[in-house]
Amino acid sequence: VAPGRPSDAALTGAVLRFKAPGDDLLCGTADHY
């Protein structure tokens, strides 16, 4: 099961803000980005 897709991504200058996806779709915590 692949991680989910980051949501609500928005770029301000050189900073990318987003909502974290899960390790398994929307559940858990991913290993890295």
Full PDB file with SEQRES, HELIX, SHEET, SSBOND, CRYST1, ORIGX, SCALE, CONECT and MASTER records, all heavy atoms in Angstrom:
SEQRES   1 A   33  VAL ALA PRO GLY ARG PRO SER ASP ALA ALA LEU THR GLY          
SEQRES   2 A   33  ALA VAL LEU ARG PHE LYS ALA PRO GLY ASP ASP LEU LEU          
SEQRES   3 A   33  CYS GLY THR ALA ASP HIS TYR                                  
SHEET    1 AA1 2 SER A   7  THR A  12  0                                        
SHEET    2 AA1 2 VAL A  15  LYS A  19 -1                                        
CRYST1    1.000    1.000    1.000  90.00  90.00  90.00 P 1           1          
ORIGX1      1.000000  0.000000  0.000000        0.00000                         
ORIGX2      0.000000  1.000000  0.000000        0.00000                         
ORIGX3      0.000000  0.000000  1.000000        0.00000                         
SCALE1      1.000000  0.000000  0.000000        0.00000                         
SCALE2      0.000000  1.000000  0.000000        0.00000                         
SCALE3      0.000000  0.000000  1.000000        0.00000                         
ATOM      1  N   VAL A   1       0.853  -1.188   0.000  1.00  0.00           N  
ATOM      2  CA  VAL A   1       0.000   0.000   0.000  1.00  0.00           C  
ATOM      3  C   VAL A   1       0.891   1.241   0.000  1.00  0.00           C  
ATOM      4  O   VAL A   1       1.678   1.458   0.918  1.00  0.00           O  
ATOM      5  CB  VAL A   1      -0.943   0.023   1.227  1.00  0.00           C  
ATOM      6  CG1 VAL A   1      -1.810   1.274   1.206  1.00  0.00           C  
ATOM      7  CG2 VAL A   1      -1.807  -1.229   1.238  1.00  0.00           C  
ATOM      8  N   ALA A   2       0.767   2.032  -1.032  1.00  0.00           N  
ATOM      9  CA  ALA A   2       1.578   3.239  -1.158  1.00  0.00           C  
ATOM     10  C   ALA A   2       1.071   4.333  -0.219  1.00  0.00           C  
ATOM     11  O   ALA A   2      -0.090   4.327   0.183  1.00  0.00           O  
ATOM     12  CB  ALA A   2       1.531   3.742  -2.596  1.00  0.00           C  
ATOM     13  N   PRO A   3       1.943   5.273   0.107  1.00  0.00           N  
ATOM     14  CA  PRO A   3       1.505   6.416   0.904  1.00  0.00           C  
ATOM     15  C   PRO A   3       0.468   7.231   0.128  1.00  0.00           C  
ATOM     16  O   PRO A   3       0.383   7.149  -1.097  1.00  0.00           O  
ATOM     17  CB  PRO A   3       2.782   7.232   1.095  1.00  0.00           C  
ATOM     18  CG  PRO A   3       3.900   6.275   0.872  1.00  0.00           C  
ATOM     19  CD  PRO A   3       3.385   5.305  -0.143  1.00  0.00           C  
ATOM     20  N   GLY A   4      -0.279   8.036   0.845  1.00  0.00           N  
ATOM     21  CA  GLY A   4      -1.246   8.910   0.205  1.00  0.00           C  
ATOM     22  C   GLY A   4      -0.566  10.088  -0.473  1.00  0.00           C  
ATOM     23  O   GLY A   4       0.649  10.264  -0.404  1.00  0.00           O  
ATOM     24  N   ARG A   5      -1.373  10.890  -1.111  1.00  0.00           N  
ATOM     25  CA  ARG A   5      -0.886  12.092  -1.784  1.00  0.00           C  
ATOM     26  C   ARG A   5      -0.995  13.273  -0.835  1.00  0.00           C  
ATOM     27  O   ARG A   5      -2.041  13.458  -0.204  1.00  0.00           O  
ATOM     28  CB  ARG A   5      -1.738  12.329  -3.020  1.00  0.00           C  
ATOM     29  CG  ARG A   5      -1.378  13.537  -3.807  1.00  0.00           C  
ATOM     30  CD  ARG A   5      -2.319  13.654  -4.980  1.00  0.00           C  
ATOM     31  NE  ARG A   5      -1.966  14.771  -5.808  1.00  0.00           N  
ATOM     32  CZ  ARG A   5      -2.665  15.146  -6.849  1.00  0.00           C  
ATOM     33  NH1 ARG A   5      -3.747  14.481  -7.179  1.00  0.00           N  
ATOM     34  NH2 ARG A   5      -2.282  16.170  -7.551  1.00  0.00           N  
ATOM     35  N   PRO A   6       0.051  14.101  -0.712  1.00  0.00           N  
ATOM     36  CA  PRO A   6      -0.071  15.298   0.115  1.00  0.00           C  
ATOM     37  C   PRO A   6      -1.222  16.158  -0.415  1.00  0.00           C  
ATOM     38  O   PRO A   6      -1.434  16.257  -1.622  1.00  0.00           O  
ATOM     39  CB  PRO A   6       1.275  16.011  -0.080  1.00  0.00           C  
ATOM     40  CG  PRO A   6       2.218  14.902  -0.459  1.00  0.00           C  
ATOM     41  CD  PRO A   6       1.390  13.959  -1.284  1.00  0.00           C  
ATOM     42  N   SER A   7      -1.972  16.768   0.471  1.00  0.00           N  
ATOM     43  CA  SER A   7      -3.122  17.572   0.043  1.00  0.00           C  
ATOM     44  C   SER A   7      -2.930  19.038   0.399  1.00  0.00           C  
ATOM     45  O   SER A   7      -2.063  19.391   1.199  1.00  0.00           O  
ATOM     46  CB  SER A   7      -4.404  17.031   0.677  1.00  0.00           C  
ATOM     47  OG  SER A   7      -4.325  17.088   2.077  1.00  0.00           O  
ATOM     48  N   ASP A   8      -3.761  19.876  -0.187  1.00  0.00           N  
ATOM     49  CA  ASP A   8      -3.766  21.324   0.064  1.00  0.00           C  
ATOM     50  C   ASP A   8      -2.379  21.941  -0.105  1.00  0.00           C  
ATOM     51  O   ASP A   8      -1.996  22.833   0.659  1.00  0.00           O  
ATOM     52  CB  ASP A   8      -4.314  21.635   1.461  1.00  0.00           C  
ATOM     53  CG  ASP A   8      -5.747  21.173   1.637  1.00  0.00           C  
ATOM     54  OD1 ASP A   8      -6.465  21.040   0.626  1.00  0.00           O  
ATOM     55  OD2 ASP A   8      -6.160  20.940   2.778  1.00  0.00           O  
ATOM     56  N   ALA A   9      -1.630  21.492  -1.106  1.00  0.00           N  
ATOM     57  CA  ALA A   9      -0.280  22.024  -1.337  1.00  0.00           C  
ATOM     58  C   ALA A   9      -0.370  23.457  -1.866  1.00  0.00           C  
ATOM     59  O   ALA A   9      -1.159  23.747  -2.759  1.00  0.00           O  
ATOM     60  CB  ALA A   9       0.477  21.142  -2.318  1.00  0.00           C  
ATOM     61  N   ALA A  10       0.446  24.327  -1.299  1.00  0.00           N  
ATOM     62  CA  ALA A  10       0.498  25.727  -1.714  1.00  0.00           C  
ATOM     63  C   ALA A  10       1.922  26.232  -1.571  1.00  0.00           C  
ATOM     64  O   ALA A  10       2.619  25.900  -0.615  1.00  0.00           O  
ATOM     65  CB  ALA A  10      -0.453  26.570  -0.876  1.00  0.00           C  
ATOM     66  N   LEU A  11       2.345  27.041  -2.507  1.00  0.00           N  
ATOM     67  CA  LEU A  11       3.705  27.549  -2.541  1.00  0.00           C  
ATOM     68  C   LEU A  11       3.706  29.041  -2.259  1.00  0.00           C  
ATOM     69  O   LEU A  11       2.980  29.808  -2.879  1.00  0.00           O  
ATOM     70  CB  LEU A  11       4.298  27.271  -3.915  1.00  0.00           C  
ATOM     71  CG  LEU A  11       5.778  27.450  -4.112  1.00  0.00           C  
ATOM     72  CD1 LEU A  11       6.563  26.529  -3.190  1.00  0.00           C  
ATOM     73  CD2 LEU A  11       6.147  27.176  -5.550  1.00  0.00           C  
ATOM     74  N   THR A  12       4.522  29.448  -1.280  1.00  0.00           N  
ATOM     75  CA  THR A  12       4.722  30.858  -0.957  1.00  0.00           C  
ATOM     76  C   THR A  12       6.222  31.104  -1.013  1.00  0.00           C  
ATOM     77  O   THR A  12       6.950  30.674  -0.116  1.00  0.00           O  
ATOM     78  CB  THR A  12       4.174  31.204   0.445  1.00  0.00           C  
ATOM     79  OG1 THR A  12       2.813  30.785   0.526  1.00  0.00           O  
ATOM     80  CG2 THR A  12       4.287  32.688   0.718  1.00  0.00           C  
ATOM     81  N   GLY A  13       6.665  31.754  -2.092  1.00  0.00           N  
ATOM     82  CA  GLY A  13       8.106  31.958  -2.270  1.00  0.00           C  
ATOM     83  C   GLY A  13       8.800  30.623  -2.437  1.00  0.00           C  
ATOM     84  O   GLY A  13       8.503  29.870  -3.345  1.00  0.00           O  
ATOM     85  N   ALA A  14       9.707  30.318  -1.523  1.00  0.00           N  
ATOM     86  CA  ALA A  14      10.448  29.054  -1.571  1.00  0.00           C  
ATOM     87  C   ALA A  14       9.993  28.094  -0.475  1.00  0.00           C  
ATOM     88  O   ALA A  14      10.733  27.196  -0.075  1.00  0.00           O  
ATOM     89  CB  ALA A  14      11.936  29.322  -1.441  1.00  0.00           C  
ATOM     90  N   VAL A  15       8.773  28.267   0.032  1.00  0.00           N  
ATOM     91  CA  VAL A  15       8.233  27.384   1.071  1.00  0.00           C  
ATOM     92  C   VAL A  15       6.969  26.702   0.543  1.00  0.00           C  
ATOM     93  O   VAL A  15       6.025  27.361   0.101  1.00  0.00           O  
ATOM     94  CB  VAL A  15       7.912  28.167   2.367  1.00  0.00           C  
ATOM     95  CG1 VAL A  15       7.274  27.244   3.391  1.00  0.00           C  
ATOM     96  CG2 VAL A  15       9.165  28.812   2.925  1.00  0.00           C  
ATOM     97  N   LEU A  16       6.978  25.373   0.581  1.00  0.00           N  
ATOM     98  CA  LEU A  16       5.834  24.577   0.158  1.00  0.00           C  
ATOM     99  C   LEU A  16       5.119  24.070   1.403  1.00  0.00           C  
ATOM    100  O   LEU A  16       5.712  23.378   2.221  1.00  0.00           O  
ATOM    101  CB  LEU A  16       6.308  23.397  -0.700  1.00  0.00           C  
ATOM    102  CG  LEU A  16       5.238  22.440  -1.205  1.00  0.00           C  
ATOM    103  CD1 LEU A  16       4.260  23.149  -2.129  1.00  0.00           C  
ATOM    104  CD2 LEU A  16       5.892  21.271  -1.923  1.00  0.00           C  
ATOM    105  N   ARG A  17       3.848  24.436   1.545  1.00  0.00           N  
ATOM    106  CA  ARG A  17       3.034  23.984   2.673  1.00  0.00           C  
ATOM    107  C   ARG A  17       2.025  22.952   2.154  1.00  0.00           C  
ATOM    108  O   ARG A  17       1.507  23.092   1.051  1.00  0.00           O  
ATOM    109  CB  ARG A  17       2.304  25.150   3.307  1.00  0.00           C  
ATOM    110  CG  ARG A  17       3.183  26.084   4.092  1.00  0.00           C  
ATOM    111  CD  ARG A  17       2.378  27.226   4.686  1.00  0.00           C  
ATOM    112  NE  ARG A  17       3.047  28.161   5.552  1.00  0.00           N  
ATOM    113  CZ  ARG A  17       4.268  28.626   5.504  1.00  0.00           C  
ATOM    114  NH1 ARG A  17       5.082  28.195   4.600  1.00  0.00           N  
ATOM    115  NH2 ARG A  17       4.734  29.510   6.352  1.00  0.00           N  
ATOM    116  N   PHE A  18       1.739  21.951   2.994  1.00  0.00           N  
ATOM    117  CA  PHE A  18       0.834  20.876   2.589  1.00  0.00           C  
ATOM    118  C   PHE A  18       0.341  20.126   3.814  1.00  0.00           C  
ATOM    119  O   PHE A  18       0.896  20.265   4.896  1.00  0.00           O  
ATOM    120  CB  PHE A  18       1.551  19.908   1.638  1.00  0.00           C  
ATOM    121  CG  PHE A  18       2.750  19.251   2.262  1.00  0.00           C  
ATOM    122  CD1 PHE A  18       2.654  18.009   2.852  1.00  0.00           C  
ATOM    123  CD2 PHE A  18       3.981  19.902   2.282  1.00  0.00           C  
ATOM    124  CE1 PHE A  18       3.767  17.418   3.450  1.00  0.00           C  
ATOM    125  CE2 PHE A  18       5.090  19.317   2.870  1.00  0.00           C  
ATOM    126  CZ  PHE A  18       4.980  18.080   3.453  1.00  0.00           C  
ATOM    127  N   LYS A  19      -0.709  19.328   3.619  1.00  0.00           N  
ATOM    128  CA  LYS A  19      -1.179  18.429   4.675  1.00  0.00           C  
ATOM    129  C   LYS A  19      -0.547  17.066   4.431  1.00  0.00           C  
ATOM    130  O   LYS A  19      -0.574  16.543   3.316  1.00  0.00           O  
ATOM    131  CB  LYS A  19      -2.698  18.336   4.681  1.00  0.00           C  
ATOM    132  CG  LYS A  19      -3.324  19.574   5.257  1.00  0.00           C  
ATOM    133  CD  LYS A  19      -4.764  19.354   5.607  1.00  0.00           C  
ATOM    134  CE  LYS A  19      -5.310  20.655   6.183  1.00  0.00           C  
ATOM    135  NZ  LYS A  19      -6.732  20.601   6.351  1.00  0.00           N  
ATOM    136  N   ALA A  20       0.011  16.508   5.486  1.00  0.00           N  
ATOM    137  CA  ALA A  20       0.737  15.237   5.389  1.00  0.00           C  
ATOM    138  C   ALA A  20      -0.181  14.077   5.023  1.00  0.00           C  
ATOM    139  O   ALA A  20      -1.289  13.967   5.558  1.00  0.00           O  
ATOM    140  CB  ALA A  20       1.419  14.940   6.721  1.00  0.00           C  
ATOM    141  N   PRO A  21       0.289  13.214   4.129  1.00  0.00           N  
ATOM    142  CA  PRO A  21      -0.442  11.978   3.851  1.00  0.00           C  
ATOM    143  C   PRO A  21      -0.031  10.918   4.857  1.00  0.00           C  
ATOM    144  O   PRO A  21       0.850  11.156   5.687  1.00  0.00           O  
ATOM    145  CB  PRO A  21       0.048  11.611   2.450  1.00  0.00           C  
ATOM    146  CG  PRO A  21       1.459  12.082   2.455  1.00  0.00           C  
ATOM    147  CD  PRO A  21       1.462  13.357   3.275  1.00  0.00           C  
ATOM    148  N   GLY A  22      -0.621   9.757   4.784  1.00  0.00           N  
ATOM    149  CA  GLY A  22      -0.243   8.662   5.671  1.00  0.00           C  
ATOM    150  C   GLY A  22       0.743   7.716   5.018  1.00  0.00           C  
ATOM    151  O   GLY A  22       1.031   7.810   3.826  1.00  0.00           O  
ATOM    152  N   ASP A  23       1.248   6.793   5.798  1.00  0.00           N  
ATOM    153  CA  ASP A  23       2.147   5.739   5.324  1.00  0.00           C  
ATOM    154  C   ASP A  23       1.400   4.789   4.400  1.00  0.00           C  
ATOM    155  O   ASP A  23       1.932   4.342   3.395  1.00  0.00           O  
ATOM    156  CB  ASP A  23       2.685   4.989   6.546  1.00  0.00           C  
ATOM    157  CG  ASP A  23       3.448   3.744   6.171  1.00  0.00           C  
ATOM    158  OD1 ASP A  23       4.577   3.855   5.705  1.00  0.00           O  
ATOM    159  OD2 ASP A  23       2.886   2.649   6.344  1.00  0.00           O  
ATOM    160  N   ASP A  24       0.180   4.467   4.739  1.00  0.00           N  
ATOM    161  CA  ASP A  24      -0.701   3.624   3.930  1.00  0.00           C  
ATOM    162  C   ASP A  24      -1.917   4.468   3.570  1.00  0.00           C  
ATOM    163  O   ASP A  24      -2.858   4.577   4.356  1.00  0.00           O  
ATOM    164  CB  ASP A  24      -1.130   2.373   4.687  1.00  0.00           C  
ATOM    165  CG  ASP A  24       0.033   1.425   4.940  1.00  0.00           C  
ATOM    166  OD1 ASP A  24       0.954   1.396   4.115  1.00  0.00           O  
ATOM    167  OD2 ASP A  24       0.012   0.719   5.956  1.00  0.00           O  
ATOM    168  N   LEU A  25      -1.864   5.109   2.416  1.00  0.00           N  
ATOM    169  CA  LEU A  25      -2.877   6.072   1.972  1.00  0.00           C  
ATOM    170  C   LEU A  25      -3.000   7.192   2.993  1.00  0.00           C  
ATOM    171  O   LEU A  25      -2.131   8.030   3.087  1.00  0.00           O  
ATOM    172  CB  LEU A  25      -4.201   5.385   1.674  1.00  0.00           C  
ATOM    173  CG  LEU A  25      -4.169   4.413   0.497  1.00  0.00           C  
ATOM    174  CD1 LEU A  25      -5.506   3.704   0.342  1.00  0.00           C  
ATOM    175  CD2 LEU A  25      -3.779   5.108  -0.790  1.00  0.00           C  
ATOM    176  N   LEU A  26      -4.081   7.204   3.766  1.00  0.00           N  
ATOM    177  CA  LEU A  26      -4.281   8.293   4.727  1.00  0.00           C  
ATOM    178  C   LEU A  26      -4.086   7.856   6.174  1.00  0.00           C  
ATOM    179  O   LEU A  26      -4.457   8.574   7.093  1.00  0.00           O  
ATOM    180  CB  LEU A  26      -5.683   8.883   4.547  1.00  0.00           C  
ATOM    181  CG  LEU A  26      -5.948   9.462   3.160  1.00  0.00           C  
ATOM    182  CD1 LEU A  26      -7.391   9.911   3.034  1.00  0.00           C  
ATOM    183  CD2 LEU A  26      -4.996  10.579   2.840  1.00  0.00           C  
ATOM    184  N   CYS A  27      -3.504   6.687   6.384  1.00  0.00           N  
ATOM    185  CA  CYS A  27      -3.310   6.162   7.732  1.00  0.00           C  
ATOM    186  C   CYS A  27      -1.827   6.102   8.090  1.00  0.00           C  
ATOM    187  O   CYS A  27      -1.001   5.709   7.271  1.00  0.00           O  
ATOM    188  CB  CYS A  27      -3.903   4.761   7.844  1.00  0.00           C  
ATOM    189  SG  CYS A  27      -5.673   4.699   7.512  1.00  0.00           S  
ATOM    190  N   GLY A  28      -1.498   6.491   9.317  1.00  0.00           N  
ATOM    191  CA  GLY A  28      -0.127   6.377   9.796  1.00  0.00           C  
ATOM    192  C   GLY A  28       0.739   7.578   9.443  1.00  0.00           C  
ATOM    193  O   GLY A  28       0.256   8.663   9.160  1.00  0.00           O  
ATOM    194  N   THR A  29       2.045   7.354   9.447  1.00  0.00           N  
ATOM    195  CA  THR A  29       3.028   8.402   9.176  1.00  0.00           C  
ATOM    196  C   THR A  29       4.037   7.883   8.155  1.00  0.00           C  
ATOM    197  O   THR A  29       4.601   6.808   8.331  1.00  0.00           O  
ATOM    198  CB  THR A  29       3.761   8.801  10.474  1.00  0.00           C  
ATOM    199  OG1 THR A  29       2.794   9.218  11.437  1.00  0.00           O  
ATOM    200  CG2 THR A  29       4.742   9.932  10.231  1.00  0.00           C  
ATOM    201  N   ALA A  30       4.277   8.653   7.102  1.00  0.00           N  
ATOM    202  CA  ALA A  30       5.233   8.268   6.059  1.00  0.00           C  
ATOM    203  C   ALA A  30       6.645   8.195   6.625  1.00  0.00           C  
ATOM    204  O   ALA A  30       6.936   8.748   7.686  1.00  0.00           O  
ATOM    205  CB  ALA A  30       5.170   9.270   4.914  1.00  0.00           C  
ATOM    206  N   ASP A  31       7.539   7.540   5.913  1.00  0.00           N  
ATOM    207  CA  ASP A  31       8.933   7.434   6.327  1.00  0.00           C  
ATOM    208  C   ASP A  31       9.699   8.717   6.013  1.00  0.00           C  
ATOM    209  O   ASP A  31      10.457   9.216   6.824  1.00  0.00           O  
ATOM    210  CB  ASP A  31       9.598   6.242   5.634  1.00  0.00           C  
ATOM    211  CG  ASP A  31      11.020   6.024   6.090  1.00  0.00           C  
ATOM    212  OD1 ASP A  31      11.198   5.640   7.267  1.00  0.00           O  
ATOM    213  OD2 ASP A  31      11.947   6.248   5.288  1.00  0.00           O  
ATOM    214  N   HIS A  32       9.527   9.233   4.798  1.00  0.00           N  
ATOM    215  CA  HIS A  32      10.185  10.486   4.417  1.00  0.00           C  
ATOM    216  C   HIS A  32       9.486  11.087   3.199  1.00  0.00           C  
ATOM    217  O   HIS A  32       8.622  10.466   2.599  1.00  0.00           O  
ATOM    218  CB  HIS A  32      11.685  10.285   4.148  1.00  0.00           C  
ATOM    219  CG  HIS A  32      12.008   9.409   2.982  1.00  0.00           C  
ATOM    220  ND1 HIS A  32      12.051   8.041   3.062  1.00  0.00           N  
ATOM    221  CD2 HIS A  32      12.315   9.708   1.693  1.00  0.00           C  
ATOM    222  CE1 HIS A  32      12.367   7.532   1.895  1.00  0.00           C  
ATOM    223  NE2 HIS A  32      12.528   8.528   1.030  1.00  0.00           N  
ATOM    224  N   TYR A  33       9.887  12.317   2.857  1.00  0.00           N  
ATOM    225  CA  TYR A  33       9.356  13.013   1.692  1.00  0.00           C  
ATOM    226  C   TYR A  33      10.447  13.190   0.656  1.00  0.00           C  
ATOM    227  O   TYR A  33      11.632  13.241   0.982  1.00  0.00           O  
ATOM    228  CB  TYR A  33       8.835  14.405   2.061  1.00  0.00           C  
ATOM    229  CG  TYR A  33       7.669  14.418   3.000  1.00  0.00           C  
ATOM    230  CD1 TYR A  33       7.741  15.120   4.194  1.00  0.00           C  
ATOM    231  CD2 TYR A  33       6.494  13.747   2.710  1.00  0.00           C  
ATOM    232  CE1 TYR A  33       6.673  15.154   5.067  1.00  0.00           C  
ATOM    233  CE2 TYR A  33       5.418  13.764   3.587  1.00  0.00           C  
ATOM    234  CZ  TYR A  33       5.514  14.472   4.760  1.00  0.00           C  
ATOM    235  OH  TYR A  33       4.456  14.500   5.618  1.00  0.00           O  
TER     236      TYR A  33                                                      
MASTER        0    0    0    0    2    0    0    6  235    1    0    3          
END                                                                             
